[in-house]
Amino acid sequence: MGDAWNSPCVTSGQCCLRSTPFASRSPTSGTADVRSDLRERRAQRDWSQGDLAEKLGVSRQTINAIETGKYSPSLELAFKIARLFKVRVEDVFQP
């Protein structure tokens, strides 16, 4: 387990869906505890998951995990997303 904490996803602050302090998951369901309208906002701009990931500096898998509710982004990433779409964080993410 020691090597997992030194992996690039953990040391860079980006979650790659491992059980890390950066991933927020519901203890009962294993899914994220927030909903987002990220997919709809992305689709309105005709951006692929890869396009959005590139603009945010994360992987396409991270975008997919947020959109499917498997991962709640860090505060830093949530604010980056909100800034990119020129909205408030709470406009994109709901409890």
PDB file of N, CA and C in Angstrom:
ATOM      1  N   MET A   1       0.816  -1.191   0.000  1.00  0.00           N
ATOM      2  CA  MET A   1       0.000   0.000   0.000  1.00  0.00           C
ATOM      3  C   MET A   1       0.858   1.253   0.000  1.00  0.00           C
ATOM      4  N   GLY A   2       2.055   1.200   0.525  1.00  0.00           N
ATOM      5  CA  GLY A   2       2.915   2.363   0.592  1.00  0.00           C
ATOM      6  C   GLY A   2       3.179   2.990  -0.766  1.00  0.00           C
ATOM      7  N   ASP A   3       3.353   2.166  -1.812  1.00  0.00           N
ATOM      8  CA  ASP A   3       3.629   2.703  -3.136  1.00  0.00           C
ATOM      9  C   ASP A   3       2.453   3.468  -3.710  1.00  0.00           C
ATOM     10  N   ALA A   4       1.225   3.110  -3.348  1.00  0.00           N
ATOM     11  CA  ALA A   4       0.041   3.790  -3.877  1.00  0.00           C
ATOM     12  C   ALA A   4       0.046   5.262  -3.508  1.00  0.00           C
ATOM     13  N   TRP A   5       0.547   5.611  -2.330  1.00  0.00           N
ATOM     14  CA  TRP A   5       0.550   7.005  -1.899  1.00  0.00           C
ATOM     15  C   TRP A   5       1.622   7.818  -2.597  1.00  0.00           C
ATOM     16  N   ASN A   6       2.549   7.162  -3.283  1.00  0.00           N
ATOM     17  CA  ASN A   6       3.583   7.872  -4.013  1.00  0.00           C
ATOM     18  C   ASN A   6       3.322   7.882  -5.510  1.00  0.00           C
ATOM     19  N   SER A   7       2.160   7.399  -5.923  1.00  0.00           N
ATOM     20  CA  SER A   7       1.852   7.346  -7.352  1.00  0.00           C
ATOM     21  C   SER A   7       1.670   8.758  -7.890  1.00  0.00           C
ATOM     22  N   PRO A   8       1.846   8.963  -9.195  1.00  0.00           N
ATOM     23  CA  PRO A   8       1.721  10.301  -9.774  1.00  0.00           C
ATOM     24  C   PRO A   8       0.372  10.955  -9.509  1.00  0.00           C
ATOM     25  N   CYS A   9      -0.708  10.169  -9.479  1.00  0.00           N
ATOM     26  CA  CYS A   9      -2.017  10.786  -9.287  1.00  0.00           C
ATOM     27  C   CYS A   9      -2.146  11.362  -7.888  1.00  0.00           C
ATOM     28  N   VAL A  10      -1.523  10.747  -6.912  1.00  0.00           N
ATOM     29  CA  VAL A  10      -1.628  11.246  -5.543  1.00  0.00           C
ATOM     30  C   VAL A  10      -0.677  12.405  -5.317  1.00  0.00           C
ATOM     31  N   THR A  11       0.540  12.264  -5.754  1.00  0.00           N
ATOM     32  CA  THR A  11       1.511  13.326  -5.505  1.00  0.00           C
ATOM     33  C   THR A  11       1.201  14.576  -6.316  1.00  0.00           C
ATOM     34  N   SER A  12       0.479  14.447  -7.435  1.00  0.00           N
ATOM     35  CA  SER A  12       0.122  15.620  -8.236  1.00  0.00           C
ATOM     36  C   SER A  12      -1.168  16.258  -7.754  1.00  0.00           C
ATOM     37  N   GLY A  13      -1.904  15.589  -6.855  1.00  0.00           N
ATOM     38  CA  GLY A  13      -3.167  16.134  -6.377  1.00  0.00           C
ATOM     39  C   GLY A  13      -4.341  15.776  -7.268  1.00  0.00           C
ATOM     40  N   GLN A  14      -4.126  14.954  -8.278  1.00  0.00           N
ATOM     41  CA  GLN A  14      -5.205  14.538  -9.159  1.00  0.00           C
ATOM     42  C   GLN A  14      -5.572  13.093  -8.838  1.00  0.00           C
ATOM     43  N   CYS A  15      -6.843  12.846  -8.667  1.00  0.00           N
ATOM     44  CA  CYS A  15      -7.292  11.499  -8.339  1.00  0.00           C
ATOM     45  C   CYS A  15      -7.425  10.664  -9.603  1.00  0.00           C
ATOM     46  N   CYS A  16      -6.957   9.443  -9.538  1.00  0.00           N
ATOM     47  CA  CYS A  16      -7.154   8.531 -10.655  1.00  0.00           C
ATOM     48  C   CYS A  16      -8.072   7.394 -10.208  1.00  0.00           C
ATOM     49  N   LEU A  17      -9.023   7.727  -9.349  1.00  0.00           N
ATOM     50  CA  LEU A  17     -10.071   6.835  -8.870  1.00  0.00           C
ATOM     51  C   LEU A  17      -9.591   5.787  -7.880  1.00  0.00           C
ATOM     52  N   ARG A  18      -8.416   5.955  -7.329  1.00  0.00           N
ATOM     53  CA  ARG A  18      -7.988   5.101  -6.230  1.00  0.00           C
ATOM     54  C   ARG A  18      -8.565   5.671  -4.949  1.00  0.00           C
ATOM     55  N   SER A  19      -8.537   4.910  -3.895  1.00  0.00           N
ATOM     56  CA  SER A  19      -8.992   5.436  -2.608  1.00  0.00           C
ATOM     57  C   SER A  19      -7.909   6.327  -2.048  1.00  0.00           C
ATOM     58  N   THR A  20      -8.028   7.612  -2.330  1.00  0.00           N
ATOM     59  CA  THR A  20      -7.056   8.588  -1.871  1.00  0.00           C
ATOM     60  C   THR A  20      -7.786   9.688  -1.133  1.00  0.00           C
ATOM     61  N   PRO A  21      -7.081  10.533  -0.428  1.00  0.00           N
ATOM     62  CA  PRO A  21      -7.725  11.667   0.231  1.00  0.00           C
ATOM     63  C   PRO A  21      -8.370  12.626  -0.761  1.00  0.00           C
ATOM     64  N   PHE A  22      -8.010  12.539  -2.044  1.00  0.00           N
ATOM     65  CA  PHE A  22      -8.534  13.461  -3.036  1.00  0.00           C
ATOM     66  C   PHE A  22      -9.883  13.014  -3.580  1.00  0.00           C
ATOM     67  N   ALA A  23     -10.238  11.762  -3.402  1.00  0.00           N
ATOM     68  CA  ALA A  23     -11.504  11.260  -3.916  1.00  0.00           C
ATOM     69  C   ALA A  23     -12.554  11.332  -2.830  1.00  0.00           C
ATOM     70  N   SER A  24     -13.687  11.894  -3.169  1.00  0.00           N
ATOM     71  CA  SER A  24     -14.780  11.966  -2.212  1.00  0.00           C
ATOM     72  C   SER A  24     -15.836  10.967  -2.641  1.00  0.00           C
ATOM     73  N   ARG A  25     -16.008   9.949  -1.846  1.00  0.00           N
ATOM     74  CA  ARG A  25     -16.975   8.914  -2.175  1.00  0.00           C
ATOM     75  C   ARG A  25     -17.913   8.695  -1.004  1.00  0.00           C
ATOM     76  N   SER A  26     -19.134   8.352  -1.317  1.00  0.00           N
ATOM     77  CA  SER A  26     -20.102   8.055  -0.280  1.00  0.00           C
ATOM     78  C   SER A  26     -19.704   6.753   0.390  1.00  0.00           C
ATOM     79  N   PRO A  27     -19.683   6.686   1.722  1.00  0.00           N
ATOM     80  CA  PRO A  27     -19.250   5.473   2.391  1.00  0.00           C
ATOM     81  C   PRO A  27     -20.179   4.290   2.170  1.00  0.00           C
ATOM     82  N   THR A  28     -21.426   4.530   1.824  1.00  0.00           N
ATOM     83  CA  THR A  28     -22.353   3.417   1.655  1.00  0.00           C
ATOM     84  C   THR A  28     -22.459   2.931   0.228  1.00  0.00           C
ATOM     85  N   SER A  29     -22.455   3.842  -0.732  1.00  0.00           N
ATOM     86  CA  SER A  29     -22.693   3.419  -2.105  1.00  0.00           C
ATOM     87  C   SER A  29     -21.431   3.323  -2.946  1.00  0.00           C
ATOM     88  N   GLY A  30     -20.329   3.944  -2.511  1.00  0.00           N
ATOM     89  CA  GLY A  30     -19.124   3.936  -3.316  1.00  0.00           C
ATOM     90  C   GLY A  30     -19.165   4.974  -4.418  1.00  0.00           C
ATOM     91  N   THR A  31     -20.220   5.795  -4.468  1.00  0.00           N
ATOM     92  CA  THR A  31     -20.314   6.832  -5.483  1.00  0.00           C
ATOM     93  C   THR A  31     -20.114   8.192  -4.839  1.00  0.00           C
ATOM     94  N   ALA A  32     -19.870   9.170  -5.671  1.00  0.00           N
ATOM     95  CA  ALA A  32     -19.644  10.526  -5.168  1.00  0.00           C
ATOM     96  C   ALA A  32     -20.904  11.058  -4.505  1.00  0.00           C
ATOM     97  N   ASP A  33     -20.713  11.992  -3.573  1.00  0.00           N
ATOM     98  CA  ASP A  33     -21.852  12.507  -2.841  1.00  0.00           C
ATOM     99  C   ASP A  33     -22.334  13.858  -3.358  1.00  0.00           C
ATOM    100  N   VAL A  34     -21.982  14.236  -4.581  1.00  0.00           N
ATOM    101  CA  VAL A  34     -22.522  15.434  -5.214  1.00  0.00           C
ATOM    102  C   VAL A  34     -22.963  15.096  -6.628  1.00  0.00           C
ATOM    103  N   ARG A  35     -23.919  15.875  -7.114  1.00  0.00           N
ATOM    104  CA  ARG A  35     -24.354  15.750  -8.511  1.00  0.00           C
ATOM    105  C   ARG A  35     -23.816  16.953  -9.266  1.00  0.00           C
ATOM    106  N   SER A  36     -23.654  16.802 -10.556  1.00  0.00           N
ATOM    107  CA  SER A  36     -23.210  17.938 -11.359  1.00  0.00           C
ATOM    108  C   SER A  36     -23.958  17.951 -12.683  1.00  0.00           C
ATOM    109  N   ASP A  37     -23.991  19.121 -13.287  1.00  0.00           N
ATOM    110  CA  ASP A  37     -24.542  19.226 -14.638  1.00  0.00           C
ATOM    111  C   ASP A  37     -23.409  19.455 -15.637  1.00  0.00           C
ATOM    112  N   LEU A  38     -22.250  18.937 -15.278  1.00  0.00           N
ATOM    113  CA  LEU A  38     -21.059  19.121 -16.099  1.00  0.00           C
ATOM    114  C   LEU A  38     -21.254  18.591 -17.517  1.00  0.00           C
ATOM    115  N   ARG A  39     -21.863  17.424 -17.641  1.00  0.00           N
ATOM    116  CA  ARG A  39     -22.064  16.828 -18.972  1.00  0.00           C
ATOM    117  C   ARG A  39     -22.905  17.760 -19.852  1.00  0.00           C
ATOM    118  N   GLU A  40     -23.975  18.315 -19.294  1.00  0.00           N
ATOM    119  CA  GLU A  40     -24.845  19.205 -20.055  1.00  0.00           C
ATOM    120  C   GLU A  40     -24.104  20.486 -20.456  1.00  0.00           C
ATOM    121  N   ARG A  41     -23.358  21.061 -19.525  1.00  0.00           N
ATOM    122  CA  ARG A  41     -22.603  22.283 -19.829  1.00  0.00           C
ATOM    123  C   ARG A  41     -21.556  22.012 -20.911  1.00  0.00           C
ATOM    124  N   ARG A  42     -20.898  20.870 -20.812  1.00  0.00           N
ATOM    125  CA  ARG A  42     -19.885  20.506 -21.807  1.00  0.00           C
ATOM    126  C   ARG A  42     -20.536  20.307 -23.173  1.00  0.00           C
ATOM    127  N   ALA A  43     -21.676  19.620 -23.196  1.00  0.00           N
ATOM    128  CA  ALA A  43     -22.369  19.341 -24.456  1.00  0.00           C
ATOM    129  C   ALA A  43     -22.869  20.622 -25.122  1.00  0.00           C
ATOM    130  N   GLN A  44     -23.291  21.599 -24.331  1.00  0.00           N
ATOM    131  CA  GLN A  44     -23.756  22.877 -24.884  1.00  0.00           C
ATOM    132  C   GLN A  44     -22.653  23.572 -25.666  1.00  0.00           C
ATOM    133  N   ARG A  45     -21.430  23.317 -25.311  1.00  0.00           N
ATOM    134  CA  ARG A  45     -20.292  23.933 -25.999  1.00  0.00           C
ATOM    135  C   ARG A  45     -19.683  23.007 -27.054  1.00  0.00           C
ATOM    136  N   ASP A  46     -20.295  21.837 -27.194  1.00  0.00           N
ATOM    137  CA  ASP A  46     -19.821  20.848 -28.168  1.00  0.00           C
ATOM    138  C   ASP A  46     -18.386  20.420 -27.892  1.00  0.00           C
ATOM    139  N   TRP A  47     -18.061  20.289 -26.590  1.00  0.00           N
ATOM    140  CA  TRP A  47     -16.743  19.825 -26.174  1.00  0.00           C
ATOM    141  C   TRP A  47     -16.815  18.343 -25.839  1.00  0.00           C
ATOM    142  N   SER A  48     -15.790  17.612 -26.215  1.00  0.00           N
ATOM    143  CA  SER A  48     -15.669  16.218 -25.789  1.00  0.00           C
ATOM    144  C   SER A  48     -15.126  16.199 -24.361  1.00  0.00           C
ATOM    145  N   GLN A  49     -15.179  15.035 -23.734  1.00  0.00           N
ATOM    146  CA  GLN A  49     -14.575  14.898 -22.411  1.00  0.00           C
ATOM    147  C   GLN A  49     -13.087  15.226 -22.491  1.00  0.00           C
ATOM    148  N   GLY A  50     -12.449  14.808 -23.558  1.00  0.00           N
ATOM    149  CA  GLY A  50     -11.027  15.100 -23.750  1.00  0.00           C
ATOM    150  C   GLY A  50     -10.755  16.588 -23.882  1.00  0.00           C
ATOM    151  N   ASP A  51     -11.640  17.295 -24.607  1.00  0.00           N
ATOM    152  CA  ASP A  51     -11.482  18.749 -24.747  1.00  0.00           C
ATOM    153  C   ASP A  51     -11.536  19.428 -23.387  1.00  0.00           C
ATOM    154  N   LEU A  52     -12.556  19.065 -22.594  1.00  0.00           N
ATOM    155  CA  LEU A  52     -12.717  19.671 -21.275  1.00  0.00           C
ATOM    156  C   LEU A  52     -11.538  19.318 -20.369  1.00  0.00           C
ATOM    157  N   ALA A  53     -11.128  18.058 -20.418  1.00  0.00           N
ATOM    158  CA  ALA A  53      -9.997  17.621 -19.597  1.00  0.00           C
ATOM    159  C   ALA A  53      -8.748  18.428 -19.917  1.00  0.00           C
ATOM    160  N   GLU A  54      -8.497  18.648 -21.184  1.00  0.00           N
ATOM    161  CA  GLU A  54      -7.317  19.411 -21.596  1.00  0.00           C
ATOM    162  C   GLU A  54      -7.384  20.850 -21.074  1.00  0.00           C
ATOM    163  N   LYS A  55      -8.549  21.466 -21.162  1.00  0.00           N
ATOM    164  CA  LYS A  55      -8.712  22.844 -20.688  1.00  0.00           C
ATOM    165  C   LYS A  55      -8.489  22.956 -19.181  1.00  0.00           C
ATOM    166  N   LEU A  56      -8.818  21.863 -18.451  1.00  0.00           N
ATOM    167  CA  LEU A  56      -8.702  21.867 -16.989  1.00  0.00           C
ATOM    168  C   LEU A  56      -7.387  21.272 -16.490  1.00  0.00           C
ATOM    169  N   GLY A  57      -6.640  20.634 -17.374  1.00  0.00           N
ATOM    170  CA  GLY A  57      -5.377  20.022 -16.967  1.00  0.00           C
ATOM    171  C   GLY A  57      -5.550  18.733 -16.196  1.00  0.00           C
ATOM    172  N   VAL A  58      -6.614  17.972 -16.528  1.00  0.00           N
ATOM    173  CA  VAL A  58      -6.858  16.680 -15.891  1.00  0.00           C
ATOM    174  C   VAL A  58      -7.040  15.628 -16.975  1.00  0.00           C
ATOM    175  N   SER A  59      -7.224  14.389 -16.577  1.00  0.00           N
ATOM    176  CA  SER A  59      -7.420  13.323 -17.557  1.00  0.00           C
ATOM    177  C   SER A  59      -8.886  13.235 -17.988  1.00  0.00           C
ATOM    178  N   ARG A  60      -9.100  12.650 -19.152  1.00  0.00           N
ATOM    179  CA  ARG A  60     -10.463  12.407 -19.629  1.00  0.00           C
ATOM    180  C   ARG A  60     -11.206  11.509 -18.660  1.00  0.00           C
ATOM    181  N   GLN A  61     -10.479  10.567 -18.043  1.00  0.00           N
ATOM    182  CA  GLN A  61     -11.101   9.655 -17.080  1.00  0.00           C
ATOM    183  C   GLN A  61     -11.632  10.406 -15.863  1.00  0.00           C
ATOM    184  N   THR A  62     -10.936  11.463 -15.450  1.00  0.00           N
ATOM    185  CA  THR A  62     -11.413  12.273 -14.332  1.00  0.00           C
ATOM    186  C   THR A  62     -12.727  12.945 -14.690  1.00  0.00           C
ATOM    187  N   ILE A  63     -12.820  13.492 -15.893  1.00  0.00           N
ATOM    188  CA  ILE A  63     -14.061  14.133 -16.337  1.00  0.00           C
ATOM    189  C   ILE A  63     -15.184  13.103 -16.380  1.00  0.00           C
ATOM    190  N   ASN A  64     -14.898  11.935 -16.922  1.00  0.00           N
ATOM    191  CA  ASN A  64     -15.901  10.879 -16.980  1.00  0.00           C
ATOM    192  C   ASN A  64     -16.376  10.494 -15.580  1.00  0.00           C
ATOM    193  N   ALA A  65     -15.463  10.367 -14.657  1.00  0.00           N
ATOM    194  CA  ALA A  65     -15.817   9.970 -13.293  1.00  0.00           C
ATOM    195  C   ALA A  65     -16.671  11.039 -12.608  1.00  0.00           C
ATOM    196  N   ILE A  66     -16.389  12.307 -12.850  1.00  0.00           N
ATOM    197  CA  ILE A  66     -17.214  13.378 -12.285  1.00  0.00           C
ATOM    198  C   ILE A  66     -18.610  13.328 -12.894  1.00  0.00           C
ATOM    199  N   GLU A  67     -18.675  13.176 -14.205  1.00  0.00           N
ATOM    200  CA  GLU A  67     -19.969  13.166 -14.892  1.00  0.00           C
ATOM    201  C   GLU A  67     -20.833  11.973 -14.514  1.00  0.00           C
ATOM    202  N   THR A  68     -20.223  10.857 -14.213  1.00  0.00           N
ATOM    203  CA  THR A  68     -20.993   9.662 -13.853  1.00  0.00           C
ATOM    204  C   THR A  68     -21.213   9.539 -12.353  1.00  0.00           C
ATOM    205  N   GLY A  69     -20.727  10.503 -11.578  1.00  0.00           N
ATOM    206  CA  GLY A  69     -20.961  10.501 -10.143  1.00  0.00           C
ATOM    207  C   GLY A  69     -20.074   9.552  -9.366  1.00  0.00           C
ATOM    208  N   LYS A  70     -18.969   9.117  -9.955  1.00  0.00           N
ATOM    209  CA  LYS A  70     -18.054   8.215  -9.264  1.00  0.00           C
ATOM    210  C   LYS A  70     -16.986   8.966  -8.480  1.00  0.00           C
ATOM    211  N   TYR A  71     -16.884  10.274  -8.731  1.00  0.00           N
ATOM    212  CA  TYR A  71     -15.826  11.070  -8.124  1.00  0.00           C
ATOM    213  C   TYR A  71     -16.304  12.496  -7.929  1.00  0.00           C
ATOM    214  N   SER A  72     -16.061  13.037  -6.765  1.00  0.00           N
ATOM    215  CA  SER A  72     -16.301  14.455  -6.501  1.00  0.00           C
ATOM    216  C   SER A  72     -14.961  15.167  -6.622  1.00  0.00           C
ATOM    217  N   PRO A  73     -14.904  16.230  -7.399  1.00  0.00           N
ATOM    218  CA  PRO A  73     -13.619  16.902  -7.601  1.00  0.00           C
ATOM    219  C   PRO A  73     -13.137  17.600  -6.341  1.00  0.00           C
ATOM    220  N   SER A  74     -11.854  17.820  -6.276  1.00  0.00           N
ATOM    221  CA  SER A  74     -11.281  18.632  -5.199  1.00  0.00           C
ATOM    222  C   SER A  74     -11.863  20.037  -5.312  1.00  0.00           C
ATOM    223  N   LEU A  75     -11.737  20.813  -4.250  1.00  0.00           N
ATOM    224  CA  LEU A  75     -12.209  22.201  -4.305  1.00  0.00           C
ATOM    225  C   LEU A  75     -11.497  22.974  -5.408  1.00  0.00           C
ATOM    226  N   GLU A  76     -10.201  22.744  -5.524  1.00  0.00           N
ATOM    227  CA  GLU A  76      -9.430  23.432  -6.565  1.00  0.00           C
ATOM    228  C   GLU A  76      -9.993  23.143  -7.953  1.00  0.00           C
ATOM    229  N   LEU A  77     -10.264  21.872  -8.234  1.00  0.00           N
ATOM    230  CA  LEU A  77     -10.797  21.504  -9.545  1.00  0.00           C
ATOM    231  C   LEU A  77     -12.220  22.017  -9.712  1.00  0.00           C
ATOM    232  N   ALA A  78     -13.034  21.962  -8.682  1.00  0.00           N
ATOM    233  CA  ALA A  78     -14.403  22.482  -8.767  1.00  0.00           C
ATOM    234  C   ALA A  78     -14.389  23.970  -9.121  1.00  0.00           C
ATOM    235  N   PHE A  79     -13.488  24.730  -8.501  1.00  0.00           N
ATOM    236  CA  PHE A  79     -13.394  26.155  -8.811  1.00  0.00           C
ATOM    237  C   PHE A  79     -12.875  26.387 -10.232  1.00  0.00           C
ATOM    238  N   LYS A  80     -11.946  25.559 -10.691  1.00  0.00           N
ATOM    239  CA  LYS A  80     -11.459  25.685 -12.071  1.00  0.00           C
ATOM    240  C   LYS A  80     -12.600  25.456 -13.060  1.00  0.00           C
ATOM    241  N   ILE A  81     -13.424  24.449 -12.768  1.00  0.00           N
ATOM    242  CA  ILE A  81     -14.571  24.139 -13.636  1.00  0.00           C
ATOM    243  C   ILE A  81     -15.532  25.323 -13.659  1.00  0.00           C
ATOM    244  N   ALA A  82     -15.859  25.845 -12.489  1.00  0.00           N
ATOM    245  CA  ALA A  82     -16.786  26.977 -12.403  1.00  0.00           C
ATOM    246  C   ALA A  82     -16.234  28.190 -13.165  1.00  0.00           C
ATOM    247  N   ARG A  83     -14.947  28.483 -12.990  1.00  0.00           N
ATOM    248  CA  ARG A  83     -14.343  29.618 -13.697  1.00  0.00           C
ATOM    249  C   ARG A  83     -14.404  29.425 -15.215  1.00  0.00           C
ATOM    250  N   LEU A  84     -14.128  28.211 -15.650  1.00  0.00           N
ATOM    251  CA  LEU A  84     -14.148  27.929 -17.086  1.00  0.00           C
ATOM    252  C   LEU A  84     -15.534  28.191 -17.678  1.00  0.00           C
ATOM    253  N   PHE A  85     -16.569  27.808 -16.955  1.00  0.00           N
ATOM    254  CA  PHE A  85     -17.943  27.999 -17.436  1.00  0.00           C
ATOM    255  C   PHE A  85     -18.536  29.351 -17.022  1.00  0.00           C
ATOM    256  N   LYS A  86     -17.744  30.150 -16.270  1.00  0.00           N
ATOM    257  CA  LYS A  86     -18.170  31.486 -15.831  1.00  0.00           C
ATOM    258  C   LYS A  86     -19.460  31.439 -15.009  1.00  0.00           C
ATOM    259  N   VAL A  87     -19.475  30.492 -14.067  1.00  0.00           N
ATOM    260  CA  VAL A  87     -20.605  30.340 -13.151  1.00  0.00           C
ATOM    261  C   VAL A  87     -20.067  30.098 -11.746  1.00  0.00           C
ATOM    262  N   ARG A  88     -20.958  30.046 -10.767  1.00  0.00           N
ATOM    263  CA  ARG A  88     -20.566  29.723  -9.399  1.00  0.00           C
ATOM    264  C   ARG A  88     -20.413  28.211  -9.258  1.00  0.00           C
ATOM    265  N   VAL A  89     -19.609  27.784  -8.325  1.00  0.00           N
ATOM    266  CA  VAL A  89     -19.414  26.349  -8.073  1.00  0.00           C
ATOM    267  C   VAL A  89     -20.745  25.678  -7.818  1.00  0.00           C
ATOM    268  N   GLU A  90     -21.603  26.323  -7.001  1.00  0.00           N
ATOM    269  CA  GLU A  90     -22.892  25.714  -6.656  1.00  0.00           C
ATOM    270  C   GLU A  90     -23.847  25.652  -7.852  1.00  0.00           C
ATOM    271  N   ASP A  91     -23.540  26.357  -8.942  1.00  0.00           N
ATOM    272  CA  ASP A  91     -24.345  26.237 -10.165  1.00  0.00           C
ATOM    273  C   ASP A  91     -24.020  24.951 -10.904  1.00  0.00           C
ATOM    274  N   VAL A  92     -22.816  24.448 -10.721  1.00  0.00           N
ATOM    275  CA  VAL A  92     -22.382  23.216 -11.404  1.00  0.00           C
ATOM    276  C   VAL A  92     -22.590  21.986 -10.524  1.00  0.00           C
ATOM    277  N   PHE A  93     -22.294  22.122  -9.230  1.00  0.00           N
ATOM    278  CA  PHE A  93     -22.336  20.983  -8.313  1.00  0.00           C
ATOM    279  C   PHE A  93     -23.419  21.174  -7.256  1.00  0.00           C
ATOM    280  N   GLN A  94     -24.236  20.148  -7.065  1.00  0.00           N
ATOM    281  CA  GLN A  94     -25.304  20.178  -6.067  1.00  0.00           C
ATOM    282  C   GLN A  94     -25.137  19.009  -5.105  1.00  0.00           C
ATOM    283  N   PRO A  95     -25.435  19.225  -3.799  1.00  0.00           N
ATOM    284  CA  PRO A  95     -25.301  18.130  -2.826  1.00  0.00           C
ATOM    285  C   PRO A  95     -26.333  17.033  -3.067  1.00  0.00           C
TER     286      PRO A  95
END
